[in-house]
Amino acid sequence: MGLCANGRMGNLVGVLRKPLAIQAKGNTRIESPKIRNRRRQRKFTGTLTRPRLSVFCSDKQLYAMLVDDQNKKCLFYGSTLQKSFRDNPPCTTSVSPIFSSFGISNR
């Protein structure tokens, strides 16, 4: 016990407490791809004459689309879920039919 500012005996528990440590949170699993995508879209924007190719490959499926960012339109969409691609082999080898539908040669 010690003297407080008002001259009374007070408890010093508040003085002996550890200071509150605030740590910054890192980006979560959901936020990180969104931040990366925004940074990439600042650099690469698609136009009607030269659209942006967006490709996403999950464990089982492959998705690709041509995007016109100026008019905010999806010009073409293709995925391995479509009937024309379903009969082809798994995702790793079925890239070439999707790229050929875009008119891009697969190396």
PDB file of N, CA and C in Angstrom:
ATOM      1  N   MET A   1       0.831  -1.181   0.000  1.00  0.00           N
ATOM      2  CA  MET A   1       0.000   0.000   0.000  1.00  0.00           C
ATOM      3  C   MET A   1       0.879   1.250   0.000  1.00  0.00           C
ATOM      4  N   GLY A   2       0.431   2.261  -0.701  1.00  0.00           N
ATOM      5  CA  GLY A   2       1.188   3.497  -0.764  1.00  0.00           C
ATOM      6  C   GLY A   2       0.253   4.688  -0.773  1.00  0.00           C
ATOM      7  N   LEU A   3       0.794   5.870  -0.745  1.00  0.00           N
ATOM      8  CA  LEU A   3      -0.009   7.075  -0.750  1.00  0.00           C
ATOM      9  C   LEU A   3      -0.417   7.417  -2.176  1.00  0.00           C
ATOM     10  N   CYS A   4      -1.672   7.773  -2.339  1.00  0.00           N
ATOM     11  CA  CYS A   4      -2.183   8.205  -3.643  1.00  0.00           C
ATOM     12  C   CYS A   4      -2.026   9.712  -3.750  1.00  0.00           C
ATOM     13  N   ALA A   5      -2.442  10.263  -4.871  1.00  0.00           N
ATOM     14  CA  ALA A   5      -2.329  11.701  -5.112  1.00  0.00           C
ATOM     15  C   ALA A   5      -3.191  12.492  -4.138  1.00  0.00           C
ATOM     16  N   ASN A   6      -4.303  11.907  -3.687  1.00  0.00           N
ATOM     17  CA  ASN A   6      -5.185  12.635  -2.784  1.00  0.00           C
ATOM     18  C   ASN A   6      -4.781  12.452  -1.319  1.00  0.00           C
ATOM     19  N   GLY A   7      -3.640  11.786  -1.055  1.00  0.00           N
ATOM     20  CA  GLY A   7      -3.148  11.633   0.298  1.00  0.00           C
ATOM     21  C   GLY A   7      -3.653  10.390   1.001  1.00  0.00           C
ATOM     22  N   ARG A   8      -4.556   9.650   0.409  1.00  0.00           N
ATOM     23  CA  ARG A   8      -5.075   8.436   1.025  1.00  0.00           C
ATOM     24  C   ARG A   8      -4.193   7.253   0.673  1.00  0.00           C
ATOM     25  N   MET A   9      -4.329   6.224   1.442  1.00  0.00           N
ATOM     26  CA  MET A   9      -3.617   4.984   1.155  1.00  0.00           C
ATOM     27  C   MET A   9      -4.325   4.300  -0.014  1.00  0.00           C
ATOM     28  N   GLY A  10      -3.590   3.923  -1.005  1.00  0.00           N
ATOM     29  CA  GLY A  10      -4.185   3.282  -2.165  1.00  0.00           C
ATOM     30  C   GLY A  10      -3.452   2.017  -2.532  1.00  0.00           C
ATOM     31  N   ASN A  11      -4.043   1.280  -3.392  1.00  0.00           N
ATOM     32  CA  ASN A  11      -3.469   0.017  -3.825  1.00  0.00           C
ATOM     33  C   ASN A  11      -2.530   0.280  -5.004  1.00  0.00           C
ATOM     34  N   LEU A  12      -1.358  -0.298  -5.006  1.00  0.00           N
ATOM     35  CA  LEU A  12      -0.382  -0.093  -6.070  1.00  0.00           C
ATOM     36  C   LEU A  12      -0.478  -1.152  -7.161  1.00  0.00           C
ATOM     37  N   VAL A  13      -1.587  -1.865  -7.194  1.00  0.00           N
ATOM     38  CA  VAL A  13      -1.735  -2.928  -8.184  1.00  0.00           C
ATOM     39  C   VAL A  13      -1.658  -2.353  -9.594  1.00  0.00           C
ATOM     40  N   GLY A  14      -2.238  -1.189  -9.811  1.00  0.00           N
ATOM     41  CA  GLY A  14      -2.218  -0.565 -11.128  1.00  0.00           C
ATOM     42  C   GLY A  14      -0.818  -0.212 -11.582  1.00  0.00           C
ATOM     43  N   VAL A  15       0.066   0.098 -10.665  1.00  0.00           N
ATOM     44  CA  VAL A  15       1.435   0.455 -11.001  1.00  0.00           C
ATOM     45  C   VAL A  15       2.237  -0.790 -11.355  1.00  0.00           C
ATOM     46  N   LEU A  16       1.908  -1.915 -10.740  1.00  0.00           N
ATOM     47  CA  LEU A  16       2.670  -3.137 -10.941  1.00  0.00           C
ATOM     48  C   LEU A  16       2.223  -3.944 -12.159  1.00  0.00           C
ATOM     49  N   ARG A  17       1.133  -3.551 -12.782  1.00  0.00           N
ATOM     50  CA  ARG A  17       0.645  -4.277 -13.961  1.00  0.00           C
ATOM     51  C   ARG A  17       1.586  -4.093 -15.137  1.00  0.00           C
ATOM     52  N   LYS A  18       1.616  -5.124 -15.977  1.00  0.00           N
ATOM     53  CA  LYS A  18       2.412  -5.028 -17.199  1.00  0.00           C
ATOM     54  C   LYS A  18       1.682  -4.146 -18.204  1.00  0.00           C
ATOM     55  N   PRO A  19       2.414  -3.397 -19.015  1.00  0.00           N
ATOM     56  CA  PRO A  19       1.744  -2.571 -20.025  1.00  0.00           C
ATOM     57  C   PRO A  19       1.082  -3.451 -21.090  1.00  0.00           C
ATOM     58  N   LEU A  20       0.013  -2.938 -21.622  1.00  0.00           N
ATOM     59  CA  LEU A  20      -0.738  -3.656 -22.645  1.00  0.00           C
ATOM     60  C   LEU A  20       0.061  -3.661 -23.943  1.00  0.00           C
ATOM     61  N   ALA A  21       0.351  -4.846 -24.441  1.00  0.00           N
ATOM     62  CA  ALA A  21       1.121  -4.974 -25.681  1.00  0.00           C
ATOM     63  C   ALA A  21       0.156  -5.203 -26.834  1.00  0.00           C
ATOM     64  N   ILE A  22       0.151  -4.303 -27.783  1.00  0.00           N
ATOM     65  CA  ILE A  22      -0.722  -4.421 -28.948  1.00  0.00           C
ATOM     66  C   ILE A  22       0.138  -4.806 -30.140  1.00  0.00           C
ATOM     67  N   GLN A  23      -0.231  -5.898 -30.767  1.00  0.00           N
ATOM     68  CA  GLN A  23       0.513  -6.361 -31.929  1.00  0.00           C
ATOM     69  C   GLN A  23      -0.348  -6.210 -33.172  1.00  0.00           C
ATOM     70  N   ALA A  24       0.296  -5.849 -34.264  1.00  0.00           N
ATOM     71  CA  ALA A  24      -0.422  -5.719 -35.527  1.00  0.00           C
ATOM     72  C   ALA A  24      -0.724  -7.100 -36.078  1.00  0.00           C
ATOM     73  N   LYS A  25      -1.943  -7.264 -36.579  1.00  0.00           N
ATOM     74  CA  LYS A  25      -2.322  -8.536 -37.190  1.00  0.00           C
ATOM     75  C   LYS A  25      -1.780  -8.598 -38.601  1.00  0.00           C
ATOM     76  N   GLY A  26      -1.332  -9.746 -38.986  1.00  0.00           N
ATOM     77  CA  GLY A  26      -0.917  -9.946 -40.367  1.00  0.00           C
ATOM     78  C   GLY A  26      -2.138 -10.130 -41.253  1.00  0.00           C
ATOM     79  N   ASN A  27      -1.936 -10.150 -42.539  1.00  0.00           N
ATOM     80  CA  ASN A  27      -3.040 -10.371 -43.460  1.00  0.00           C
ATOM     81  C   ASN A  27      -3.554 -11.790 -43.307  1.00  0.00           C
ATOM     82  N   THR A  28      -4.851 -11.930 -43.355  1.00  0.00           N
ATOM     83  CA  THR A  28      -5.436 -13.253 -43.221  1.00  0.00           C
ATOM     84  C   THR A  28      -5.343 -13.999 -44.544  1.00  0.00           C
ATOM     85  N   ARG A  29      -5.722 -15.256 -44.499  1.00  0.00           N
ATOM     86  CA  ARG A  29      -5.659 -16.113 -45.686  1.00  0.00           C
ATOM     87  C   ARG A  29      -6.575 -15.591 -46.786  1.00  0.00           C
ATOM     88  N   ILE A  30      -7.657 -14.938 -46.414  1.00  0.00           N
ATOM     89  CA  ILE A  30      -8.612 -14.427 -47.403  1.00  0.00           C
ATOM     90  C   ILE A  30      -8.163 -13.061 -47.927  1.00  0.00           C
ATOM     91  N   GLU A  31      -7.567 -12.233 -47.064  1.00  0.00           N
ATOM     92  CA  GLU A  31      -7.182 -10.881 -47.469  1.00  0.00           C
ATOM     93  C   GLU A  31      -5.955 -10.851 -48.367  1.00  0.00           C
ATOM     94  N   SER A  32      -5.014 -11.753 -48.170  1.00  0.00           N
ATOM     95  CA  SER A  32      -3.761 -11.724 -48.933  1.00  0.00           C
ATOM     96  C   SER A  32      -3.971 -11.825 -50.441  1.00  0.00           C
ATOM     97  N   PRO A  33      -4.775 -12.788 -50.948  1.00  0.00           N
ATOM     98  CA  PRO A  33      -4.992 -12.827 -52.402  1.00  0.00           C
ATOM     99  C   PRO A  33      -5.703 -11.586 -52.928  1.00  0.00           C
ATOM    100  N   LYS A  34      -6.606 -11.003 -52.127  1.00  0.00           N
ATOM    101  CA  LYS A  34      -7.310  -9.800 -52.568  1.00  0.00           C
ATOM    102  C   LYS A  34      -6.338  -8.631 -52.719  1.00  0.00           C
ATOM    103  N   ILE A  35      -5.417  -8.490 -51.773  1.00  0.00           N
ATOM    104  CA  ILE A  35      -4.428  -7.412 -51.839  1.00  0.00           C
ATOM    105  C   ILE A  35      -3.518  -7.611 -53.041  1.00  0.00           C
ATOM    106  N   ARG A  36      -3.089  -8.845 -53.256  1.00  0.00           N
ATOM    107  CA  ARG A  36      -2.216  -9.160 -54.393  1.00  0.00           C
ATOM    108  C   ARG A  36      -2.944  -8.877 -55.709  1.00  0.00           C
ATOM    109  N   ASN A  37      -4.227  -9.226 -55.776  1.00  0.00           N
ATOM    110  CA  ASN A  37      -5.015  -9.021 -56.987  1.00  0.00           C
ATOM    111  C   ASN A  37      -5.172  -7.528 -57.277  1.00  0.00           C
ATOM    112  N   ARG A  38      -5.440  -6.712 -56.251  1.00  0.00           N
ATOM    113  CA  ARG A  38      -5.573  -5.271 -56.456  1.00  0.00           C
ATOM    114  C   ARG A  38      -4.270  -4.655 -56.954  1.00  0.00           C
ATOM    115  N   ARG A  39      -3.149  -5.100 -56.396  1.00  0.00           N
ATOM    116  CA  ARG A  39      -1.838  -4.592 -56.813  1.00  0.00           C
ATOM    117  C   ARG A  39      -1.559  -4.967 -58.268  1.00  0.00           C
ATOM    118  N   ARG A  40      -1.930  -6.182 -58.661  1.00  0.00           N
ATOM    119  CA  ARG A  40      -1.718  -6.646 -60.032  1.00  0.00           C
ATOM    120  C   ARG A  40      -2.623  -5.889 -60.999  1.00  0.00           C
ATOM    121  N   GLN A  41      -3.864  -5.598 -60.599  1.00  0.00           N
ATOM    122  CA  GLN A  41      -4.785  -4.906 -61.494  1.00  0.00           C
ATOM    123  C   GLN A  41      -4.404  -3.446 -61.696  1.00  0.00           C
ATOM    124  N   ARG A  42      -3.664  -2.854 -60.753  1.00  0.00           N
ATOM    125  CA  ARG A  42      -3.170  -1.492 -60.975  1.00  0.00           C
ATOM    126  C   ARG A  42      -2.163  -1.464 -62.114  1.00  0.00           C
ATOM    127  N   LYS A  43      -1.373  -2.526 -62.241  1.00  0.00           N
ATOM    128  CA  LYS A  43      -0.349  -2.584 -63.285  1.00  0.00           C
ATOM    129  C   LYS A  43      -0.919  -3.008 -64.628  1.00  0.00           C
ATOM    130  N   PHE A  44      -1.828  -3.986 -64.618  1.00  0.00           N
ATOM    131  CA  PHE A  44      -2.338  -4.568 -65.856  1.00  0.00           C
ATOM    132  C   PHE A  44      -3.837  -4.339 -65.945  1.00  0.00           C
ATOM    133  N   THR A  45      -4.254  -3.524 -66.897  1.00  0.00           N
ATOM    134  CA  THR A  45      -5.678  -3.325 -67.134  1.00  0.00           C
ATOM    135  C   THR A  45      -5.993  -3.765 -68.546  1.00  0.00           C
ATOM    136  N   GLY A  46      -7.105  -4.453 -68.692  1.00  0.00           N
ATOM    137  CA  GLY A  46      -7.507  -4.942 -69.999  1.00  0.00           C
ATOM    138  C   GLY A  46      -8.370  -3.938 -70.733  1.00  0.00           C
ATOM    139  N   THR A  47      -8.239  -3.905 -72.050  1.00  0.00           N
ATOM    140  CA  THR A  47      -9.077  -3.060 -72.891  1.00  0.00           C
ATOM    141  C   THR A  47      -9.833  -3.956 -73.855  1.00  0.00           C
ATOM    142  N   LEU A  48     -10.695  -3.362 -74.646  1.00  0.00           N
ATOM    143  CA  LEU A  48     -11.457  -4.145 -75.612  1.00  0.00           C
ATOM    144  C   LEU A  48     -10.538  -4.714 -76.685  1.00  0.00           C
ATOM    145  N   THR A  49      -9.526  -3.954 -77.092  1.00  0.00           N
ATOM    146  CA  THR A  49      -8.607  -4.443 -78.121  1.00  0.00           C
ATOM    147  C   THR A  49      -7.551  -5.381 -77.549  1.00  0.00           C
ATOM    148  N   ARG A  50      -7.192  -5.192 -76.267  1.00  0.00           N
ATOM    149  CA  ARG A  50      -6.208  -6.074 -75.629  1.00  0.00           C
ATOM    150  C   ARG A  50      -6.705  -6.451 -74.227  1.00  0.00           C
ATOM    151  N   PRO A  51      -7.538  -7.483 -74.144  1.00  0.00           N
ATOM    152  CA  PRO A  51      -8.106  -7.855 -72.841  1.00  0.00           C
ATOM    153  C   PRO A  51      -7.079  -8.530 -71.937  1.00  0.00           C
ATOM    154  N   ARG A  52      -7.386  -8.522 -70.654  1.00  0.00           N
ATOM    155  CA  ARG A  52      -6.527  -9.160 -69.651  1.00  0.00           C
ATOM    156  C   ARG A  52      -6.957 -10.615 -69.498  1.00  0.00           C
ATOM    157  N   LEU A  53      -5.994 -11.526 -69.485  1.00  0.00           N
ATOM    158  CA  LEU A  53      -6.268 -12.949 -69.301  1.00  0.00           C
ATOM    159  C   LEU A  53      -6.121 -13.280 -67.825  1.00  0.00           C
ATOM    160  N   SER A  54      -7.209 -13.745 -67.225  1.00  0.00           N
ATOM    161  CA  SER A  54      -7.203 -14.122 -65.818  1.00  0.00           C
ATOM    162  C   SER A  54      -7.358 -15.634 -65.733  1.00  0.00           C
ATOM    163  N   VAL A  55      -6.409 -16.302 -65.071  1.00  0.00           N
ATOM    164  CA  VAL A  55      -6.420 -17.764 -64.964  1.00  0.00           C
ATOM    165  C   VAL A  55      -6.384 -18.144 -63.496  1.00  0.00           C
ATOM    166  N   PHE A  56      -7.261 -19.076 -63.107  1.00  0.00           N
ATOM    167  CA  PHE A  56      -7.263 -19.617 -61.750  1.00  0.00           C
ATOM    168  C   PHE A  56      -7.298 -21.127 -61.845  1.00  0.00           C
ATOM    169  N   CYS A  57      -6.392 -21.771 -61.145  1.00  0.00           N
ATOM    170  CA  CYS A  57      -6.333 -23.231 -61.163  1.00  0.00           C
ATOM    171  C   CYS A  57      -6.488 -23.735 -59.737  1.00  0.00           C
ATOM    172  N   SER A  58      -7.588 -24.439 -59.471  1.00  0.00           N
ATOM    173  CA  SER A  58      -7.780 -25.055 -58.164  1.00  0.00           C
ATOM    174  C   SER A  58      -7.173 -26.448 -58.199  1.00  0.00           C
ATOM    175  N   ASP A  59      -7.382 -27.214 -57.148  1.00  0.00           N
ATOM    176  CA  ASP A  59      -6.841 -28.570 -57.107  1.00  0.00           C
ATOM    177  C   ASP A  59      -7.470 -29.459 -58.178  1.00  0.00           C
ATOM    178  N   LYS A  60      -8.734 -29.193 -58.510  1.00  0.00           N
ATOM    179  CA  LYS A  60      -9.440 -30.078 -59.435  1.00  0.00           C
ATOM    180  C   LYS A  60      -9.819 -29.412 -60.753  1.00  0.00           C
ATOM    181  N   GLN A  61      -9.996 -28.104 -60.777  1.00  0.00           N
ATOM    182  CA  GLN A  61     -10.516 -27.432 -61.962  1.00  0.00           C
ATOM    183  C   GLN A  61      -9.595 -26.293 -62.390  1.00  0.00           C
ATOM    184  N   LEU A  62      -9.801 -25.856 -63.640  1.00  0.00           N
ATOM    185  CA  LEU A  62      -9.061 -24.734 -64.207  1.00  0.00           C
ATOM    186  C   LEU A  62     -10.072 -23.749 -64.781  1.00  0.00           C
ATOM    187  N   TYR A  63      -9.924 -22.473 -64.443  1.00  0.00           N
ATOM    188  CA  TYR A  63     -10.831 -21.435 -64.915  1.00  0.00           C
ATOM    189  C   TYR A  63     -10.006 -20.353 -65.599  1.00  0.00           C
ATOM    190  N   ALA A  64     -10.502 -19.829 -66.723  1.00  0.00           N
ATOM    191  CA  ALA A  64      -9.807 -18.755 -67.429  1.00  0.00           C
ATOM    192  C   ALA A  64     -10.841 -17.817 -68.038  1.00  0.00           C
ATOM    193  N   MET A  65     -10.529 -16.518 -68.053  1.00  0.00           N
ATOM    194  CA  MET A  65     -11.437 -15.564 -68.682  1.00  0.00           C
ATOM    195  C   MET A  65     -10.667 -14.375 -69.221  1.00  0.00           C
ATOM    196  N   LEU A  66     -11.229 -13.780 -70.265  1.00  0.00           N
ATOM    197  CA  LEU A  66     -10.705 -12.553 -70.850  1.00  0.00           C
ATOM    198  C   LEU A  66     -11.536 -11.399 -70.312  1.00  0.00           C
ATOM    199  N   VAL A  67     -10.875 -10.380 -69.753  1.00  0.00           N
ATOM    200  CA  VAL A  67     -11.573  -9.305 -69.060  1.00  0.00           C
ATOM    201  C   VAL A  67     -11.246  -7.962 -69.692  1.00  0.00           C
ATOM    202  N   ASP A  68     -12.296  -7.170 -69.947  1.00  0.00           N
ATOM    203  CA  ASP A  68     -12.151  -5.784 -70.376  1.00  0.00           C
ATOM    204  C   ASP A  68     -12.391  -4.922 -69.141  1.00  0.00           C
ATOM    205  N   ASP A  69     -11.314  -4.396 -68.533  1.00  0.00           N
ATOM    206  CA  ASP A  69     -11.425  -3.652 -67.278  1.00  0.00           C
ATOM    207  C   ASP A  69     -12.026  -2.264 -67.469  1.00  0.00           C
ATOM    208  N   GLN A  70     -11.868  -1.671 -68.633  1.00  0.00           N
ATOM    209  CA  GLN A  70     -12.402  -0.330 -68.849  1.00  0.00           C
ATOM    210  C   GLN A  70     -13.929  -0.337 -68.836  1.00  0.00           C
ATOM    211  N   ASN A  71     -14.529  -1.337 -69.485  1.00  0.00           N
ATOM    212  CA  ASN A  71     -15.991  -1.432 -69.521  1.00  0.00           C
ATOM    213  C   ASN A  71     -16.539  -2.377 -68.459  1.00  0.00           C
ATOM    214  N   LYS A  72     -15.644  -2.977 -67.656  1.00  0.00           N
ATOM    215  CA  LYS A  72     -16.007  -3.916 -66.591  1.00  0.00           C
ATOM    216  C   LYS A  72     -16.854  -5.061 -67.130  1.00  0.00           C
ATOM    217  N   LYS A  73     -16.352  -5.701 -68.193  1.00  0.00           N
ATOM    218  CA  LYS A  73     -17.054  -6.814 -68.836  1.00  0.00           C
ATOM    219  C   LYS A  73     -16.131  -8.018 -68.943  1.00  0.00           C
ATOM    220  N   CYS A  74     -16.726  -9.189 -68.844  1.00  0.00           N
ATOM    221  CA  CYS A  74     -16.016 -10.437 -69.112  1.00  0.00           C
ATOM    222  C   CYS A  74     -16.313 -10.793 -70.568  1.00  0.00           C
ATOM    223  N   LEU A  75     -15.286 -10.813 -71.417  1.00  0.00           N
ATOM    224  CA  LEU A  75     -15.487 -11.046 -72.844  1.00  0.00           C
ATOM    225  C   LEU A  75     -15.644 -12.529 -73.167  1.00  0.00           C
ATOM    226  N   PHE A  76     -14.889 -13.372 -72.473  1.00  0.00           N
ATOM    227  CA  PHE A  76     -14.948 -14.813 -72.731  1.00  0.00           C
ATOM    228  C   PHE A  76     -14.624 -15.548 -71.445  1.00  0.00           C
ATOM    229  N   TYR A  77     -15.290 -16.691 -71.237  1.00  0.00           N
ATOM    230  CA  TYR A  77     -15.062 -17.489 -70.040  1.00  0.00           C
ATOM    231  C   TYR A  77     -14.931 -18.945 -70.442  1.00  0.00           C
ATOM    232  N   GLY A  78     -13.950 -19.620 -69.893  1.00  0.00           N
ATOM    233  CA  GLY A  78     -13.781 -21.044 -70.156  1.00  0.00           C
ATOM    234  C   GLY A  78     -13.295 -21.748 -68.908  1.00  0.00           C
ATOM    235  N   SER A  79     -13.793 -22.965 -68.683  1.00  0.00           N
ATOM    236  CA  SER A  79     -13.330 -23.743 -67.535  1.00  0.00           C
ATOM    237  C   SER A  79     -13.421 -25.225 -67.859  1.00  0.00           C
ATOM    238  N   THR A  80     -12.802 -26.029 -67.012  1.00  0.00           N
ATOM    239  CA  THR A  80     -12.846 -27.479 -67.197  1.00  0.00           C
ATOM    240  C   THR A  80     -14.188 -28.052 -66.777  1.00  0.00           C
ATOM    241  N   LEU A  81     -15.084 -27.238 -66.263  1.00  0.00           N
ATOM    242  CA  LEU A  81     -16.427 -27.696 -65.915  1.00  0.00           C
ATOM    243  C   LEU A  81     -17.353 -27.724 -67.132  1.00  0.00           C
ATOM    244  N   GLN A  82     -16.956 -27.068 -68.221  1.00  0.00           N
ATOM    245  CA  GLN A  82     -17.787 -27.057 -69.423  1.00  0.00           C
ATOM    246  C   GLN A  82     -17.780 -28.436 -70.065  1.00  0.00           C
ATOM    247  N   LYS A  83     -18.882 -28.772 -70.731  1.00  0.00           N
ATOM    248  CA  LYS A  83     -19.030 -30.104 -71.331  1.00  0.00           C
ATOM    249  C   LYS A  83     -17.931 -30.404 -72.343  1.00  0.00           C
ATOM    250  N   SER A  84     -17.514 -29.396 -73.103  1.00  0.00           N
ATOM    251  CA  SER A  84     -16.498 -29.634 -74.132  1.00  0.00           C
ATOM    252  C   SER A  84     -15.141 -30.000 -73.526  1.00  0.00           C
ATOM    253  N   PHE A  85     -14.889 -29.607 -72.287  1.00  0.00           N
ATOM    254  CA  PHE A  85     -13.612 -29.903 -71.637  1.00  0.00           C
ATOM    255  C   PHE A  85     -13.689 -31.056 -70.646  1.00  0.00           C
ATOM    256  N   ARG A  86     -14.889 -31.485 -70.269  1.00  0.00           N
ATOM    257  CA  ARG A  86     -15.041 -32.504 -69.227  1.00  0.00           C
ATOM    258  C   ARG A  86     -14.413 -33.838 -69.583  1.00  0.00           C
ATOM    259  N   ASP A  87     -14.468 -34.227 -70.843  1.00  0.00           N
ATOM    260  CA  ASP A  87     -13.966 -35.535 -71.247  1.00  0.00           C
ATOM    261  C   ASP A  87     -12.447 -35.573 -71.353  1.00  0.00           C
ATOM    262  N   ASN A  88     -11.796 -34.427 -71.259  1.00  0.00           N
ATOM    263  CA  ASN A  88     -10.334 -34.370 -71.361  1.00  0.00           C
ATOM    264  C   ASN A  88      -9.682 -34.829 -70.060  1.00  0.00           C
ATOM    265  N   PRO A  89      -8.371 -35.103 -70.061  1.00  0.00           N
ATOM    266  CA  PRO A  89      -7.660 -35.527 -68.846  1.00  0.00           C
ATOM    267  C   PRO A  89      -7.687 -34.463 -67.743  1.00  0.00           C
ATOM    268  N   PRO A  90      -7.095 -34.752 -66.573  1.00  0.00           N
ATOM    269  CA  PRO A  90      -7.149 -33.837 -65.425  1.00  0.00           C
ATOM    270  C   PRO A  90      -6.594 -32.438 -65.709  1.00  0.00           C
ATOM    271  N   CYS A  91      -6.684 -31.598 -64.701  1.00  0.00           N
ATOM    272  CA  CYS A  91      -6.364 -30.165 -64.811  1.00  0.00           C
ATOM    273  C   CYS A  91      -4.959 -29.903 -65.344  1.00  0.00           C
ATOM    274  N   THR A  92      -3.995 -30.693 -64.978  1.00  0.00           N
ATOM    275  CA  THR A  92      -2.613 -30.414 -65.382  1.00  0.00           C
ATOM    276  C   THR A  92      -2.400 -30.570 -66.878  1.00  0.00           C
ATOM    277  N   THR A  93      -3.155 -31.464 -67.525  1.00  0.00           N
ATOM    278  CA  THR A  93      -2.968 -31.675 -68.961  1.00  0.00           C
ATOM    279  C   THR A  93      -4.087 -31.078 -69.797  1.00  0.00           C
ATOM    280  N   SER A  94      -5.114 -30.523 -69.145  1.00  0.00           N
ATOM    281  CA  SER A  94      -6.230 -29.980 -69.914  1.00  0.00           C
ATOM    282  C   SER A  94      -6.089 -28.488 -70.164  1.00  0.00           C
ATOM    283  N   VAL A  95      -4.927 -27.934 -69.951  1.00  0.00           N
ATOM    284  CA  VAL A  95      -4.709 -26.508 -70.174  1.00  0.00           C
ATOM    285  C   VAL A  95      -4.767 -26.167 -71.655  1.00  0.00           C
ATOM    286  N   SER A  96      -4.223 -27.022 -72.504  1.00  0.00           N
ATOM    287  CA  SER A  96      -4.118 -26.700 -73.927  1.00  0.00           C
ATOM    288  C   SER A  96      -5.463 -26.472 -74.610  1.00  0.00           C
ATOM    289  N   PRO A  97      -6.565 -27.230 -74.334  1.00  0.00           N
ATOM    290  CA  PRO A  97      -7.831 -26.901 -74.996  1.00  0.00           C
ATOM    291  C   PRO A  97      -8.361 -25.523 -74.619  1.00  0.00           C
ATOM    292  N   ILE A  98      -8.156 -25.109 -73.370  1.00  0.00           N
ATOM    293  CA  ILE A  98      -8.644 -23.795 -72.953  1.00  0.00           C
ATOM    294  C   ILE A  98      -7.821 -22.698 -73.614  1.00  0.00           C
ATOM    295  N   PHE A  99      -6.496 -22.858 -73.639  1.00  0.00           N
ATOM    296  CA  PHE A  99      -5.658 -21.858 -74.288  1.00  0.00           C
ATOM    297  C   PHE A  99      -5.925 -21.801 -75.787  1.00  0.00           C
ATOM    298  N   SER A 100      -6.196 -22.941 -76.410  1.00  0.00           N
ATOM    299  CA  SER A 100      -6.478 -22.919 -77.843  1.00  0.00           C
ATOM    300  C   SER A 100      -7.795 -22.212 -78.131  1.00  0.00           C
ATOM    301  N   SER A 101      -8.764 -22.278 -77.196  1.00  0.00           N
ATOM    302  CA  SER A 101     -10.017 -21.557 -77.403  1.00  0.00           C
ATOM    303  C   SER A 101      -9.802 -20.048 -77.313  1.00  0.00           C
ATOM    304  N   PHE A 102      -8.753 -19.607 -76.589  1.00  0.00           N
ATOM    305  CA  PHE A 102      -8.397 -18.195 -76.540  1.00  0.00           C
ATOM    306  C   PHE A 102      -7.548 -17.786 -77.734  1.00  0.00           C
ATOM    307  N   GLY A 103      -7.047 -18.761 -78.484  1.00  0.00           N
ATOM    308  CA  GLY A 103      -6.176 -18.461 -79.607  1.00  0.00           C
ATOM    309  C   GLY A 103      -4.728 -18.295 -79.188  1.00  0.00           C
ATOM    310  N   ILE A 104      -4.366 -18.886 -78.041  1.00  0.00           N
ATOM    311  CA  ILE A 104      -3.007 -18.791 -77.516  1.00  0.00           C
ATOM    312  C   ILE A 104      -2.370 -20.163 -77.607  1.00  0.00           C
ATOM    313  N   SER A 105      -1.132 -20.221 -78.090  1.00  0.00           N
ATOM    314  CA  SER A 105      -0.452 -21.511 -78.174  1.00  0.00           C
ATOM    315  C   SER A 105       0.148 -21.857 -76.822  1.00  0.00           C
ATOM    316  N   ASN A 106       0.051 -23.118 -76.447  1.00  0.00           N
ATOM    317  CA  ASN A 106       0.588 -23.591 -75.173  1.00  0.00           C
ATOM    318  C   ASN A 106       1.992 -24.134 -75.406  1.00  0.00           C
ATOM    319  N   ARG A 107       2.980 -23.609 -74.683  1.00  0.00           N
ATOM    320  CA  ARG A 107       4.355 -24.068 -74.860  1.00  0.00           C
ATOM    321  C   ARG A 107       4.599 -25.315 -74.081  1.00  0.00           C
TER     322      ARG A 107
END
